[in-house]
Amino acid sequence: MIFPICIFLISCAVVHKAYPVLIEHLDISTDDFSDLEDTKKDYVIKNLVKAVYLCILSFTGLPLLCCAYFDYWPNGWIKCMAAMYCSNDIIGLYKVRNLPTSTRLHHSVTFIFLLATFVTDFQTNSVAQMLFIYTYCSAVTFPVNAYLGLRLCFPAEKVADVKQVAKYIYPTMCIINWSFQLVLMQNTMGHIAYSMLLLFIVYDDLVLLRWLWK
């Protein structure tokens, strides 16, 4: 358990240090960004860093999907990826003021899930396996976070392609994800508690879906 916690702390430190560096770079690179308020600048960085993280995790997680198909769940690898996934959300809660309530709830629940992940055996715990599937499907939607950040840095026509990708990949992955969760759900206390917490994340997904398609 110690190694994933170390990965989490190191990743949090890296993300925290990335904010001022990226803000300085974007201030020079794009006038649209330099005109933003400080709160909006932090919001942009949060989403751009998360997009990079999720992109990396979506590709490095592919071997884990293959392992899962053969019912092998490498605990250390999964927990380290979960630590990296959650680190950006935690720093975002600390750095970005005025986040939507749905997003704050999403990030808070993500941290609760991470703590549970550190003391859970993925090989034997079906709830943990469901959480891995949800997390991986969420990572594949990294173009959404890329668009959320880039739309405030460049004119709309320059990020139109990113918006189109985000607009269609997000509902597609949500449908796939929710379908898996429903199929795998069982009538046990662990599954019920998991589903209750998951509702906060699903709610944030629905809010973002509505915004993308409005």
N, C-alpha and C. Protein backbone atom coordinates (compact mmCIF):
# COMPACT_ATOMS: atom_id res chain seq x y z
N MET A 1 0.82 -1.22 0.00
CA MET A 1 0.00 0.00 0.00
C MET A 1 0.85 1.26 0.00
N ILE A 2 2.07 1.19 0.54
CA ILE A 2 2.92 2.37 0.68
C ILE A 2 3.26 2.98 -0.69
N PHE A 3 3.60 2.12 -1.65
CA PHE A 3 4.05 2.63 -2.95
C PHE A 3 2.96 3.44 -3.66
N PRO A 4 1.71 2.96 -3.76
CA PRO A 4 0.66 3.78 -4.38
C PRO A 4 0.44 5.12 -3.67
N ILE A 5 0.57 5.13 -2.33
CA ILE A 5 0.41 6.39 -1.61
C ILE A 5 1.54 7.35 -1.97
N CYS A 6 2.75 6.83 -2.11
CA CYS A 6 3.88 7.67 -2.53
C CYS A 6 3.65 8.22 -3.94
N ILE A 7 3.13 7.38 -4.84
CA ILE A 7 2.81 7.84 -6.19
C ILE A 7 1.79 8.97 -6.14
N PHE A 8 0.79 8.82 -5.27
CA PHE A 8 -0.24 9.85 -5.12
C PHE A 8 0.37 11.17 -4.66
N LEU A 9 1.20 11.12 -3.64
CA LEU A 9 1.81 12.34 -3.10
C LEU A 9 2.74 13.00 -4.11
N ILE A 10 3.53 12.19 -4.80
CA ILE A 10 4.44 12.74 -5.83
C ILE A 10 3.64 13.37 -6.97
N SER A 11 2.58 12.68 -7.40
CA SER A 11 1.76 13.19 -8.48
C SER A 11 1.08 14.50 -8.08
N CYS A 12 0.60 14.58 -6.84
CA CYS A 12 0.00 15.82 -6.36
C CYS A 12 1.02 16.97 -6.40
N ALA A 13 2.25 16.68 -6.00
CA ALA A 13 3.30 17.70 -6.01
C ALA A 13 3.61 18.16 -7.43
N VAL A 14 3.66 17.20 -8.37
CA VAL A 14 3.94 17.54 -9.77
C VAL A 14 2.82 18.41 -10.35
N VAL A 15 1.58 18.02 -10.09
CA VAL A 15 0.45 18.79 -10.61
C VAL A 15 0.43 20.19 -10.01
N HIS A 16 0.69 20.28 -8.72
CA HIS A 16 0.70 21.59 -8.04
C HIS A 16 1.78 22.50 -8.64
N LYS A 17 2.94 21.94 -8.88
CA LYS A 17 4.03 22.74 -9.46
C LYS A 17 3.77 23.11 -10.91
N ALA A 18 2.94 22.32 -11.59
CA ALA A 18 2.68 22.57 -13.01
C ALA A 18 1.83 23.83 -13.22
N TYR A 19 1.01 24.19 -12.25
CA TYR A 19 0.10 25.33 -12.42
C TYR A 19 0.83 26.63 -12.78
N PRO A 20 1.76 27.12 -11.94
CA PRO A 20 2.42 28.39 -12.28
C PRO A 20 3.25 28.32 -13.56
N VAL A 21 3.86 27.16 -13.82
CA VAL A 21 4.68 27.01 -15.02
C VAL A 21 3.81 27.11 -16.28
N LEU A 22 2.70 26.40 -16.29
CA LEU A 22 1.81 26.42 -17.45
C LEU A 22 1.10 27.76 -17.61
N ILE A 23 0.75 28.38 -16.50
CA ILE A 23 0.12 29.71 -16.57
C ILE A 23 1.07 30.71 -17.22
N GLU A 24 2.32 30.68 -16.79
CA GLU A 24 3.32 31.60 -17.38
C GLU A 24 3.49 31.34 -18.87
N HIS A 25 3.52 30.07 -19.26
CA HIS A 25 3.69 29.74 -20.67
C HIS A 25 2.49 30.19 -21.50
N LEU A 26 1.27 29.94 -21.00
CA LEU A 26 0.07 30.30 -21.77
C LEU A 26 -0.15 31.81 -21.78
N ASP A 27 0.28 32.50 -20.75
CA ASP A 27 0.19 33.97 -20.75
C ASP A 27 0.96 34.56 -21.92
N ILE A 28 2.07 33.92 -22.24
CA ILE A 28 2.91 34.40 -23.35
C ILE A 28 2.36 33.91 -24.69
N SER A 29 1.78 32.71 -24.70
CA SER A 29 1.41 32.05 -25.96
C SER A 29 0.09 32.51 -26.53
N THR A 30 -0.87 32.87 -25.70
CA THR A 30 -2.20 33.20 -26.21
C THR A 30 -2.81 34.38 -25.46
N ASP A 31 -3.27 35.35 -26.23
CA ASP A 31 -3.87 36.55 -25.63
C ASP A 31 -5.18 36.22 -24.92
N ASP A 32 -5.94 35.28 -25.48
CA ASP A 32 -7.22 34.91 -24.85
C ASP A 32 -7.01 34.44 -23.42
N PHE A 33 -5.97 33.66 -23.21
CA PHE A 33 -5.68 33.16 -21.86
C PHE A 33 -5.19 34.27 -20.95
N SER A 34 -4.32 35.11 -21.45
CA SER A 34 -3.74 36.17 -20.61
C SER A 34 -4.79 37.16 -20.13
N ASP A 35 -5.92 37.26 -20.86
CA ASP A 35 -7.00 38.18 -20.47
C ASP A 35 -7.92 37.59 -19.41
N LEU A 36 -7.78 36.32 -19.10
CA LEU A 36 -8.66 35.67 -18.14
C LEU A 36 -8.34 36.09 -16.71
N GLU A 37 -9.36 35.98 -15.84
CA GLU A 37 -9.12 36.17 -14.41
C GLU A 37 -8.30 34.99 -13.88
N ASP A 38 -7.67 35.20 -12.74
CA ASP A 38 -6.81 34.16 -12.17
C ASP A 38 -7.58 32.87 -11.91
N THR A 39 -8.84 33.00 -11.46
CA THR A 39 -9.65 31.81 -11.19
C THR A 39 -9.86 31.00 -12.45
N LYS A 40 -10.14 31.69 -13.55
CA LYS A 40 -10.36 31.01 -14.83
C LYS A 40 -9.07 30.38 -15.33
N LYS A 41 -7.95 31.02 -15.09
CA LYS A 41 -6.66 30.46 -15.51
C LYS A 41 -6.41 29.13 -14.79
N ASP A 42 -6.68 29.10 -13.51
CA ASP A 42 -6.51 27.85 -12.76
C ASP A 42 -7.45 26.77 -13.29
N TYR A 43 -8.65 27.17 -13.67
CA TYR A 43 -9.63 26.22 -14.22
C TYR A 43 -9.11 25.62 -15.53
N VAL A 44 -8.52 26.46 -16.36
CA VAL A 44 -7.95 26.00 -17.64
C VAL A 44 -6.84 24.99 -17.38
N ILE A 45 -5.92 25.33 -16.49
CA ILE A 45 -4.79 24.45 -16.20
C ILE A 45 -5.27 23.13 -15.63
N LYS A 46 -6.24 23.18 -14.75
CA LYS A 46 -6.79 21.96 -14.17
C LYS A 46 -7.25 21.00 -15.26
N ASN A 47 -7.98 21.52 -16.23
CA ASN A 47 -8.53 20.66 -17.28
C ASN A 47 -7.47 20.20 -18.27
N LEU A 48 -6.51 21.05 -18.59
CA LEU A 48 -5.46 20.65 -19.52
C LEU A 48 -4.55 19.58 -18.90
N VAL A 49 -4.20 19.78 -17.65
CA VAL A 49 -3.37 18.77 -16.97
C VAL A 49 -4.13 17.45 -16.85
N LYS A 50 -5.42 17.55 -16.51
CA LYS A 50 -6.22 16.33 -16.39
C LYS A 50 -6.34 15.61 -17.74
N ALA A 51 -6.48 16.38 -18.81
CA ALA A 51 -6.57 15.77 -20.14
C ALA A 51 -5.30 14.98 -20.46
N VAL A 52 -4.14 15.54 -20.13
CA VAL A 52 -2.87 14.84 -20.37
C VAL A 52 -2.80 13.58 -19.52
N TYR A 53 -3.15 13.71 -18.25
CA TYR A 53 -3.13 12.55 -17.35
C TYR A 53 -4.04 11.44 -17.85
N LEU A 54 -5.28 11.80 -18.19
CA LEU A 54 -6.24 10.80 -18.62
C LEU A 54 -5.83 10.15 -19.94
N CYS A 55 -5.23 10.93 -20.82
CA CYS A 55 -4.75 10.38 -22.08
C CYS A 55 -3.68 9.31 -21.81
N ILE A 56 -2.75 9.62 -20.93
CA ILE A 56 -1.69 8.65 -20.58
C ILE A 56 -2.30 7.41 -19.95
N LEU A 57 -3.25 7.62 -19.02
CA LEU A 57 -3.85 6.49 -18.31
C LEU A 57 -4.72 5.63 -19.23
N SER A 58 -5.35 6.26 -20.22
CA SER A 58 -6.20 5.48 -21.13
C SER A 58 -5.38 4.52 -21.98
N PHE A 59 -4.13 4.91 -22.30
CA PHE A 59 -3.27 4.02 -23.09
C PHE A 59 -2.52 3.02 -22.20
N THR A 60 -2.01 3.49 -21.07
CA THR A 60 -1.30 2.58 -20.18
C THR A 60 -2.25 1.59 -19.51
N GLY A 61 -3.53 1.93 -19.51
CA GLY A 61 -4.51 1.03 -18.91
C GLY A 61 -4.99 -0.08 -19.82
N LEU A 62 -4.65 0.00 -21.09
CA LEU A 62 -5.08 -1.05 -22.02
C LEU A 62 -4.59 -2.44 -21.62
N PRO A 63 -3.32 -2.61 -21.23
CA PRO A 63 -2.90 -3.94 -20.77
C PRO A 63 -3.69 -4.43 -19.56
N LEU A 64 -4.12 -3.48 -18.71
CA LEU A 64 -4.92 -3.87 -17.55
C LEU A 64 -6.28 -4.42 -17.98
N LEU A 65 -6.84 -3.85 -19.04
CA LEU A 65 -8.10 -4.38 -19.56
C LEU A 65 -7.93 -5.82 -20.05
N CYS A 66 -6.80 -6.05 -20.70
CA CYS A 66 -6.51 -7.42 -21.16
C CYS A 66 -6.38 -8.37 -19.97
N CYS A 67 -5.70 -7.90 -18.92
CA CYS A 67 -5.57 -8.72 -17.71
C CYS A 67 -6.94 -9.00 -17.10
N ALA A 68 -7.78 -7.96 -17.06
CA ALA A 68 -9.11 -8.11 -16.47
C ALA A 68 -9.95 -9.10 -17.26
N TYR A 69 -9.77 -9.12 -18.57
CA TYR A 69 -10.51 -10.06 -19.41
C TYR A 69 -10.22 -11.50 -19.00
N PHE A 70 -8.98 -11.74 -18.57
CA PHE A 70 -8.59 -13.09 -18.13
C PHE A 70 -8.70 -13.23 -16.61
N ASP A 71 -9.45 -12.31 -16.01
CA ASP A 71 -9.72 -12.33 -14.57
C ASP A 71 -8.45 -12.26 -13.73
N TYR A 72 -7.51 -11.44 -14.17
CA TYR A 72 -6.30 -11.16 -13.39
C TYR A 72 -6.25 -9.67 -13.13
N TRP A 73 -6.18 -9.28 -11.87
CA TRP A 73 -6.25 -7.88 -11.49
C TRP A 73 -4.98 -7.50 -10.71
N PRO A 74 -3.96 -6.97 -11.39
CA PRO A 74 -2.70 -6.61 -10.70
C PRO A 74 -2.90 -5.41 -9.77
N ASN A 75 -2.97 -5.68 -8.49
CA ASN A 75 -3.32 -4.66 -7.50
C ASN A 75 -2.40 -3.44 -7.53
N GLY A 76 -1.09 -3.67 -7.49
CA GLY A 76 -0.16 -2.56 -7.43
C GLY A 76 -0.30 -1.61 -8.60
N TRP A 77 -0.39 -2.16 -9.78
CA TRP A 77 -0.50 -1.36 -11.01
C TRP A 77 -1.80 -0.54 -10.99
N ILE A 78 -2.89 -1.19 -10.65
CA ILE A 78 -4.19 -0.50 -10.64
C ILE A 78 -4.20 0.62 -9.60
N LYS A 79 -3.66 0.35 -8.42
CA LYS A 79 -3.68 1.35 -7.35
C LYS A 79 -2.80 2.56 -7.69
N CYS A 80 -1.69 2.33 -8.36
CA CYS A 80 -0.83 3.45 -8.79
C CYS A 80 -1.54 4.31 -9.83
N MET A 81 -2.26 3.67 -10.75
CA MET A 81 -3.00 4.42 -11.76
C MET A 81 -4.15 5.20 -11.11
N ALA A 82 -4.80 4.59 -10.13
CA ALA A 82 -5.87 5.27 -9.41
C ALA A 82 -5.32 6.49 -8.67
N ALA A 83 -4.13 6.36 -8.10
CA ALA A 83 -3.50 7.47 -7.39
C ALA A 83 -3.22 8.64 -8.33
N MET A 84 -2.73 8.34 -9.53
CA MET A 84 -2.47 9.39 -10.51
C MET A 84 -3.78 10.03 -10.98
N TYR A 85 -4.79 9.20 -11.19
CA TYR A 85 -6.09 9.70 -11.65
C TYR A 85 -6.66 10.71 -10.65
N CYS A 86 -6.57 10.37 -9.38
CA CYS A 86 -7.20 11.18 -8.34
C CYS A 86 -6.39 12.43 -7.99
N SER A 87 -5.10 12.40 -8.19
CA SER A 87 -4.24 13.50 -7.75
C SER A 87 -4.64 14.83 -8.37
N ASN A 88 -4.98 14.82 -9.65
CA ASN A 88 -5.36 16.07 -10.31
C ASN A 88 -6.67 16.62 -9.74
N ASP A 89 -7.61 15.72 -9.42
CA ASP A 89 -8.87 16.16 -8.84
C ASP A 89 -8.66 16.81 -7.48
N ILE A 90 -7.79 16.23 -6.67
CA ILE A 90 -7.55 16.77 -5.33
C ILE A 90 -6.87 18.14 -5.42
N ILE A 91 -5.88 18.27 -6.27
CA ILE A 91 -5.22 19.57 -6.43
C ILE A 91 -6.20 20.58 -7.02
N GLY A 92 -7.08 20.13 -7.91
CA GLY A 92 -8.09 21.01 -8.48
C GLY A 92 -9.02 21.57 -7.41
N LEU A 93 -9.42 20.71 -6.46
CA LEU A 93 -10.26 21.18 -5.35
C LEU A 93 -9.56 22.27 -4.54
N TYR A 94 -8.26 22.11 -4.38
CA TYR A 94 -7.48 23.06 -3.59
C TYR A 94 -7.17 24.35 -4.37
N LYS A 95 -6.85 24.20 -5.65
CA LYS A 95 -6.35 25.34 -6.42
C LYS A 95 -7.45 26.17 -7.07
N VAL A 96 -8.52 25.52 -7.53
CA VAL A 96 -9.51 26.21 -8.36
C VAL A 96 -10.70 26.64 -7.51
N ARG A 97 -10.86 27.94 -7.37
CA ARG A 97 -12.02 28.47 -6.65
C ARG A 97 -13.24 28.48 -7.56
N ASN A 98 -14.40 28.45 -6.95
CA ASN A 98 -15.68 28.56 -7.68
C ASN A 98 -15.94 27.40 -8.64
N LEU A 99 -15.42 26.21 -8.33
CA LEU A 99 -15.80 25.04 -9.11
C LEU A 99 -17.29 24.77 -8.92
N PRO A 100 -17.99 24.28 -9.95
CA PRO A 100 -19.40 23.92 -9.78
C PRO A 100 -19.56 22.90 -8.66
N THR A 101 -20.69 22.97 -7.98
CA THR A 101 -20.94 22.06 -6.87
C THR A 101 -20.88 20.60 -7.31
N SER A 102 -21.43 20.31 -8.50
CA SER A 102 -21.42 18.94 -9.00
C SER A 102 -20.00 18.43 -9.20
N THR A 103 -19.10 19.31 -9.64
CA THR A 103 -17.70 18.92 -9.84
C THR A 103 -17.00 18.70 -8.51
N ARG A 104 -17.29 19.55 -7.53
CA ARG A 104 -16.70 19.37 -6.20
C ARG A 104 -17.14 18.05 -5.58
N LEU A 105 -18.41 17.72 -5.74
CA LEU A 105 -18.90 16.44 -5.22
C LEU A 105 -18.22 15.27 -5.94
N HIS A 106 -18.08 15.42 -7.25
CA HIS A 106 -17.41 14.40 -8.07
C HIS A 106 -16.00 14.15 -7.55
N HIS A 107 -15.23 15.21 -7.38
CA HIS A 107 -13.84 15.08 -6.94
C HIS A 107 -13.75 14.53 -5.51
N SER A 108 -14.67 14.94 -4.66
CA SER A 108 -14.67 14.45 -3.28
C SER A 108 -14.95 12.95 -3.22
N VAL A 109 -15.93 12.50 -4.01
CA VAL A 109 -16.24 11.07 -4.05
C VAL A 109 -15.08 10.29 -4.65
N THR A 110 -14.43 10.86 -5.64
CA THR A 110 -13.26 10.22 -6.23
C THR A 110 -12.18 9.96 -5.18
N PHE A 111 -11.99 10.92 -4.28
CA PHE A 111 -10.98 10.74 -3.22
C PHE A 111 -11.41 9.65 -2.24
N ILE A 112 -12.70 9.58 -1.93
CA ILE A 112 -13.20 8.52 -1.06
C ILE A 112 -12.94 7.15 -1.69
N PHE A 113 -13.22 7.07 -2.99
CA PHE A 113 -12.96 5.81 -3.70
C PHE A 113 -11.47 5.46 -3.69
N LEU A 114 -10.62 6.48 -3.81
CA LEU A 114 -9.17 6.22 -3.80
C LEU A 114 -8.74 5.63 -2.46
N LEU A 115 -9.23 6.20 -1.37
CA LEU A 115 -8.88 5.69 -0.05
C LEU A 115 -9.31 4.23 0.10
N ALA A 116 -10.50 3.93 -0.41
CA ALA A 116 -10.98 2.54 -0.36
C ALA A 116 -10.11 1.64 -1.23
N THR A 117 -9.67 2.18 -2.35
CA THR A 117 -8.84 1.42 -3.28
C THR A 117 -7.53 0.96 -2.63
N PHE A 118 -6.94 1.83 -1.81
CA PHE A 118 -5.65 1.51 -1.18
C PHE A 118 -5.72 0.28 -0.28
N VAL A 119 -6.91 -0.04 0.25
CA VAL A 119 -7.01 -1.16 1.19
C VAL A 119 -7.87 -2.30 0.63
N THR A 120 -8.05 -2.31 -0.69
CA THR A 120 -8.93 -3.30 -1.32
C THR A 120 -8.13 -4.24 -2.22
N ASP A 121 -8.53 -5.48 -2.25
CA ASP A 121 -7.94 -6.47 -3.15
C ASP A 121 -8.80 -6.56 -4.40
N PHE A 122 -8.28 -6.07 -5.50
CA PHE A 122 -9.04 -6.06 -6.75
C PHE A 122 -9.30 -7.48 -7.28
N GLN A 123 -8.45 -8.39 -6.91
CA GLN A 123 -8.59 -9.76 -7.41
C GLN A 123 -9.86 -10.43 -6.87
N THR A 124 -10.28 -10.03 -5.68
CA THR A 124 -11.42 -10.70 -5.05
C THR A 124 -12.63 -9.80 -4.85
N ASN A 125 -12.48 -8.51 -5.01
CA ASN A 125 -13.56 -7.56 -4.71
C ASN A 125 -14.24 -7.10 -5.99
N SER A 126 -15.48 -7.50 -6.19
CA SER A 126 -16.19 -7.16 -7.43
C SER A 126 -16.52 -5.67 -7.51
N VAL A 127 -16.75 -5.03 -6.37
CA VAL A 127 -17.02 -3.58 -6.38
C VAL A 127 -15.78 -2.83 -6.88
N ALA A 128 -14.61 -3.22 -6.42
CA ALA A 128 -13.37 -2.59 -6.88
C ALA A 128 -13.18 -2.79 -8.38
N GLN A 129 -13.54 -3.96 -8.87
CA GLN A 129 -13.42 -4.23 -10.30
C GLN A 129 -14.36 -3.33 -11.10
N MET A 130 -15.57 -3.11 -10.58
CA MET A 130 -16.52 -2.19 -11.23
C MET A 130 -15.96 -0.77 -11.24
N LEU A 131 -15.33 -0.38 -10.15
CA LEU A 131 -14.75 0.96 -10.06
C LEU A 131 -13.62 1.12 -11.07
N PHE A 132 -12.81 0.08 -11.25
CA PHE A 132 -11.75 0.15 -12.26
C PHE A 132 -12.34 0.39 -13.65
N ILE A 133 -13.41 -0.33 -13.98
CA ILE A 133 -14.05 -0.15 -15.29
C ILE A 133 -14.58 1.26 -15.44
N TYR A 134 -15.21 1.78 -14.39
CA TYR A 134 -15.74 3.15 -14.46
C TYR A 134 -14.61 4.16 -14.67
N THR A 135 -13.53 3.96 -13.92
CA THR A 135 -12.40 4.89 -14.02
C THR A 135 -11.75 4.84 -15.40
N TYR A 136 -11.60 3.64 -15.94
CA TYR A 136 -10.97 3.54 -17.26
C TYR A 136 -11.83 4.20 -18.33
N CYS A 137 -13.14 3.95 -18.29
CA CYS A 137 -14.03 4.57 -19.28
C CYS A 137 -13.99 6.09 -19.16
N SER A 138 -13.85 6.59 -17.94
CA SER A 138 -13.74 8.03 -17.74
C SER A 138 -12.44 8.58 -18.32
N ALA A 139 -11.37 7.80 -18.20
CA ALA A 139 -10.08 8.25 -18.73
C ALA A 139 -10.12 8.40 -20.25
N VAL A 140 -10.88 7.54 -20.92
CA VAL A 140 -10.96 7.58 -22.38
C VAL A 140 -11.61 8.88 -22.86
N THR A 141 -12.34 9.56 -21.98
CA THR A 141 -13.01 10.80 -22.39
C THR A 141 -12.12 12.03 -22.21
N PHE A 142 -10.81 11.86 -22.23
CA PHE A 142 -9.89 12.98 -22.04
C PHE A 142 -10.10 14.14 -23.03
N PRO A 143 -10.63 13.93 -24.26
CA PRO A 143 -10.88 15.09 -25.11
C PRO A 143 -11.85 16.10 -24.51
N VAL A 144 -12.72 15.65 -23.62
CA VAL A 144 -13.66 16.58 -22.97
C VAL A 144 -12.91 17.58 -22.12
N ASN A 145 -11.99 17.11 -21.29
CA ASN A 145 -11.20 18.02 -20.47
C ASN A 145 -10.30 18.90 -21.32
N ALA A 146 -9.79 18.34 -22.41
CA ALA A 146 -8.97 19.15 -23.33
C ALA A 146 -9.80 20.31 -23.88
N TYR A 147 -11.02 20.02 -24.27
CA TYR A 147 -11.89 21.08 -24.82
C TYR A 147 -12.25 22.11 -23.75
N LEU A 148 -12.56 21.65 -22.53
CA LEU A 148 -12.92 22.57 -21.46
C LEU A 148 -11.81 23.59 -21.20
N GLY A 149 -10.56 23.17 -21.34
CA GLY A 149 -9.46 24.08 -21.15
C GLY A 149 -9.14 24.91 -22.38
N LEU A 150 -9.07 24.28 -23.54
CA LEU A 150 -8.65 24.96 -24.77
C LEU A 150 -9.65 26.01 -25.24
N ARG A 151 -10.94 25.83 -24.94
CA ARG A 151 -11.96 26.78 -25.41
C ARG A 151 -11.76 28.17 -24.82
N LEU A 152 -11.04 28.25 -23.68
CA LEU A 152 -10.78 29.54 -23.06
C LEU A 152 -9.41 30.10 -23.44
N CYS A 153 -8.68 29.34 -24.26
CA CYS A 153 -7.34 29.78 -24.69
C CYS A 153 -7.32 30.25 -26.14
N PHE A 154 -8.23 29.73 -26.96
CA PHE A 154 -8.20 30.00 -28.39
C PHE A 154 -9.60 30.30 -28.91
N PRO A 155 -9.70 30.96 -30.07
CA PRO A 155 -11.02 31.22 -30.67
C PRO A 155 -11.76 29.91 -30.95
N ALA A 156 -13.09 29.99 -30.99
CA ALA A 156 -13.93 28.81 -31.11
C ALA A 156 -13.60 27.97 -32.34
N GLU A 157 -13.29 28.65 -33.47
CA GLU A 157 -13.04 27.89 -34.70
C GLU A 157 -11.78 27.03 -34.61
N LYS A 158 -10.84 27.43 -33.75
CA LYS A 158 -9.59 26.67 -33.63
C LYS A 158 -9.75 25.41 -32.79
N VAL A 159 -10.79 25.36 -31.97
CA VAL A 159 -11.00 24.17 -31.12
C VAL A 159 -12.29 23.45 -31.49
N ALA A 160 -12.84 23.77 -32.67
CA ALA A 160 -14.11 23.17 -33.09
C ALA A 160 -13.99 21.66 -33.24
N ASP A 161 -12.86 21.18 -33.77
CA ASP A 161 -12.68 19.74 -33.95
C ASP A 161 -12.61 19.02 -32.61
N VAL A 162 -11.92 19.64 -31.66
CA VAL A 162 -11.83 19.04 -30.32
C VAL A 162 -13.23 18.97 -29.70
N LYS A 163 -14.01 20.02 -29.91
CA LYS A 163 -15.38 20.03 -29.37
C LYS A 163 -16.22 18.91 -29.96
N GLN A 164 -16.10 18.69 -31.26
CA GLN A 164 -16.89 17.64 -31.89
C GLN A 164 -16.52 16.25 -31.36
N VAL A 165 -15.21 16.03 -31.19
CA VAL A 165 -14.78 14.74 -30.64
C VAL A 165 -15.33 14.57 -29.23
N ALA A 166 -15.20 15.63 -28.42
CA ALA A 166 -15.69 15.56 -27.04
C ALA A 166 -17.19 15.34 -26.99
N LYS A 167 -17.90 15.98 -27.88
CA LYS A 167 -19.36 15.94 -27.89
C LYS A 167 -19.90 14.54 -28.12
N TYR A 168 -19.15 13.73 -28.89
CA TYR A 168 -19.64 12.39 -29.23
C TYR A 168 -18.98 11.29 -28.40
N ILE A 169 -17.73 11.49 -28.02
CA ILE A 169 -17.07 10.42 -27.25
C ILE A 169 -17.61 10.35 -25.83
N TYR A 170 -18.03 11.51 -25.29
CA TYR A 170 -18.50 11.52 -23.90
C TYR A 170 -19.80 10.71 -23.70
N PRO A 171 -20.86 10.99 -24.47
CA PRO A 171 -22.07 10.17 -24.29
C PRO A 171 -21.85 8.71 -24.64
N THR A 172 -21.01 8.44 -25.64
CA THR A 172 -20.73 7.05 -26.02
C THR A 172 -20.12 6.28 -24.86
N MET A 173 -19.08 6.86 -24.25
CA MET A 173 -18.42 6.17 -23.14
C MET A 173 -19.31 6.11 -21.90
N CYS A 174 -20.14 7.13 -21.70
CA CYS A 174 -21.06 7.09 -20.55
C CYS A 174 -22.05 5.94 -20.69
N ILE A 175 -22.59 5.77 -21.89
CA ILE A 175 -23.55 4.69 -22.12
C ILE A 175 -22.88 3.33 -21.91
N ILE A 176 -21.68 3.17 -22.48
CA ILE A 176 -20.94 1.91 -22.30
C ILE A 176 -20.66 1.67 -20.81
N ASN A 177 -20.21 2.72 -20.14
CA ASN A 177 -19.84 2.62 -18.73
C ASN A 177 -21.05 2.26 -17.86
N TRP A 178 -22.13 3.01 -18.01
CA TRP A 178 -23.31 2.78 -17.18
C TRP A 178 -23.91 1.40 -17.46
N SER A 179 -23.81 0.95 -18.70
CA SER A 179 -24.33 -0.38 -19.03
C SER A 179 -23.56 -1.46 -18.30
N PHE A 180 -22.22 -1.35 -18.29
CA PHE A 180 -21.39 -2.30 -17.55
C PHE A 180 -21.73 -2.29 -16.07
N GLN A 181 -21.91 -1.08 -15.51
CA GLN A 181 -22.20 -0.98 -14.08
C GLN A 181 -23.53 -1.66 -13.74
N LEU A 182 -24.54 -1.47 -14.58
CA LEU A 182 -25.85 -2.09 -14.34
C LEU A 182 -25.77 -3.61 -14.44
N VAL A 183 -25.03 -4.09 -15.43
CA VAL A 183 -24.91 -5.54 -15.62
C VAL A 183 -24.18 -6.19 -14.45
N LEU A 184 -23.15 -5.52 -13.94
CA LEU A 184 -22.32 -6.10 -12.88
C LEU A 184 -22.87 -5.86 -11.47
N MET A 185 -23.85 -4.96 -11.34
CA MET A 185 -24.38 -4.62 -10.03
C MET A 185 -25.05 -5.82 -9.36
N GLN A 186 -24.79 -5.98 -8.07
CA GLN A 186 -25.38 -7.06 -7.29
C GLN A 186 -26.14 -6.49 -6.09
N ASN A 187 -27.00 -7.30 -5.52
CA ASN A 187 -27.81 -6.86 -4.38
C ASN A 187 -27.09 -7.15 -3.06
N THR A 188 -25.97 -6.47 -2.86
CA THR A 188 -25.21 -6.60 -1.62
C THR A 188 -24.99 -5.22 -1.03
N MET A 189 -24.66 -5.14 0.25
CA MET A 189 -24.44 -3.85 0.90
C MET A 189 -23.29 -3.08 0.25
N GLY A 190 -22.22 -3.82 -0.12
CA GLY A 190 -21.09 -3.16 -0.76
C GLY A 190 -21.46 -2.53 -2.09
N HIS A 191 -22.21 -3.26 -2.89
CA HIS A 191 -22.63 -2.74 -4.19
C HIS A 191 -23.61 -1.58 -4.04
N ILE A 192 -24.50 -1.66 -3.06
CA ILE A 192 -25.47 -0.58 -2.85
C ILE A 192 -24.76 0.69 -2.39
N ALA A 193 -23.80 0.56 -1.45
CA ALA A 193 -23.04 1.72 -0.99
C ALA A 193 -22.25 2.33 -2.14
N TYR A 194 -21.65 1.47 -2.95
CA TYR A 194 -20.90 1.94 -4.13
C TYR A 194 -21.80 2.70 -5.09
N SER A 195 -22.99 2.17 -5.36
CA SER A 195 -23.90 2.81 -6.30
C SER A 195 -24.40 4.15 -5.79
N MET A 196 -24.60 4.27 -4.46
CA MET A 196 -25.04 5.54 -3.88
C MET A 196 -23.98 6.62 -4.06
N LEU A 197 -22.72 6.27 -3.82
CA LEU A 197 -21.64 7.24 -4.03
C LEU A 197 -21.47 7.55 -5.51
N LEU A 198 -21.65 6.53 -6.33
CA LEU A 198 -21.47 6.70 -7.77
C LEU A 198 -22.48 7.69 -8.36
N LEU A 199 -23.63 7.81 -7.72
CA LEU A 199 -24.66 8.73 -8.22
C LEU A 199 -24.14 10.17 -8.29
N PHE A 200 -23.26 10.55 -7.37
CA PHE A 200 -22.71 11.91 -7.40
C PHE A 200 -21.85 12.12 -8.66
N ILE A 201 -21.10 11.10 -9.04
CA ILE A 201 -20.28 11.18 -10.25
C ILE A 201 -21.16 11.16 -11.49
N VAL A 202 -22.17 10.30 -11.49
CA VAL A 202 -23.10 10.23 -12.63
C VAL A 202 -23.80 11.57 -12.81
N TYR A 203 -24.18 12.20 -11.71
CA TYR A 203 -24.85 13.51 -11.79
C TYR A 203 -23.95 14.54 -12.47
N ASP A 204 -22.68 14.55 -12.09
CA ASP A 204 -21.73 15.47 -12.72
C ASP A 204 -21.58 15.15 -14.21
N ASP A 205 -21.56 13.87 -14.56
CA ASP A 205 -21.52 13.47 -15.97
C ASP A 205 -22.73 14.03 -16.73
N LEU A 206 -23.90 13.92 -16.13
CA LEU A 206 -25.12 14.40 -16.79
C LEU A 206 -25.11 15.91 -16.97
N VAL A 207 -24.61 16.62 -15.96
CA VAL A 207 -24.50 18.08 -16.07
C VAL A 207 -23.60 18.46 -17.23
N LEU A 208 -22.46 17.78 -17.35
CA LEU A 208 -21.51 18.09 -18.40
C LEU A 208 -22.05 17.68 -19.77
N LEU A 209 -22.73 16.54 -19.83
CA LEU A 209 -23.35 16.13 -21.08
C LEU A 209 -24.36 17.15 -21.58
N ARG A 210 -25.17 17.63 -20.67
CA ARG A 210 -26.17 18.64 -21.04
C ARG A 210 -25.50 19.90 -21.56
N TRP A 211 -24.41 20.31 -20.90
CA TRP A 211 -23.70 21.51 -21.32
C TRP A 211 -23.07 21.34 -22.70
N LEU A 212 -22.47 20.19 -22.95
CA LEU A 212 -21.83 19.95 -24.25
C LEU A 212 -22.82 19.98 -25.41
N TRP A 213 -24.03 19.50 -25.16
CA TRP A 213 -25.01 19.39 -26.23
C TRP A 213 -25.99 20.57 -26.29
N LYS A 214 -25.87 21.50 -25.32
CA LYS A 214 -26.80 22.63 -25.31
C LYS A 214 -26.48 23.57 -26.47
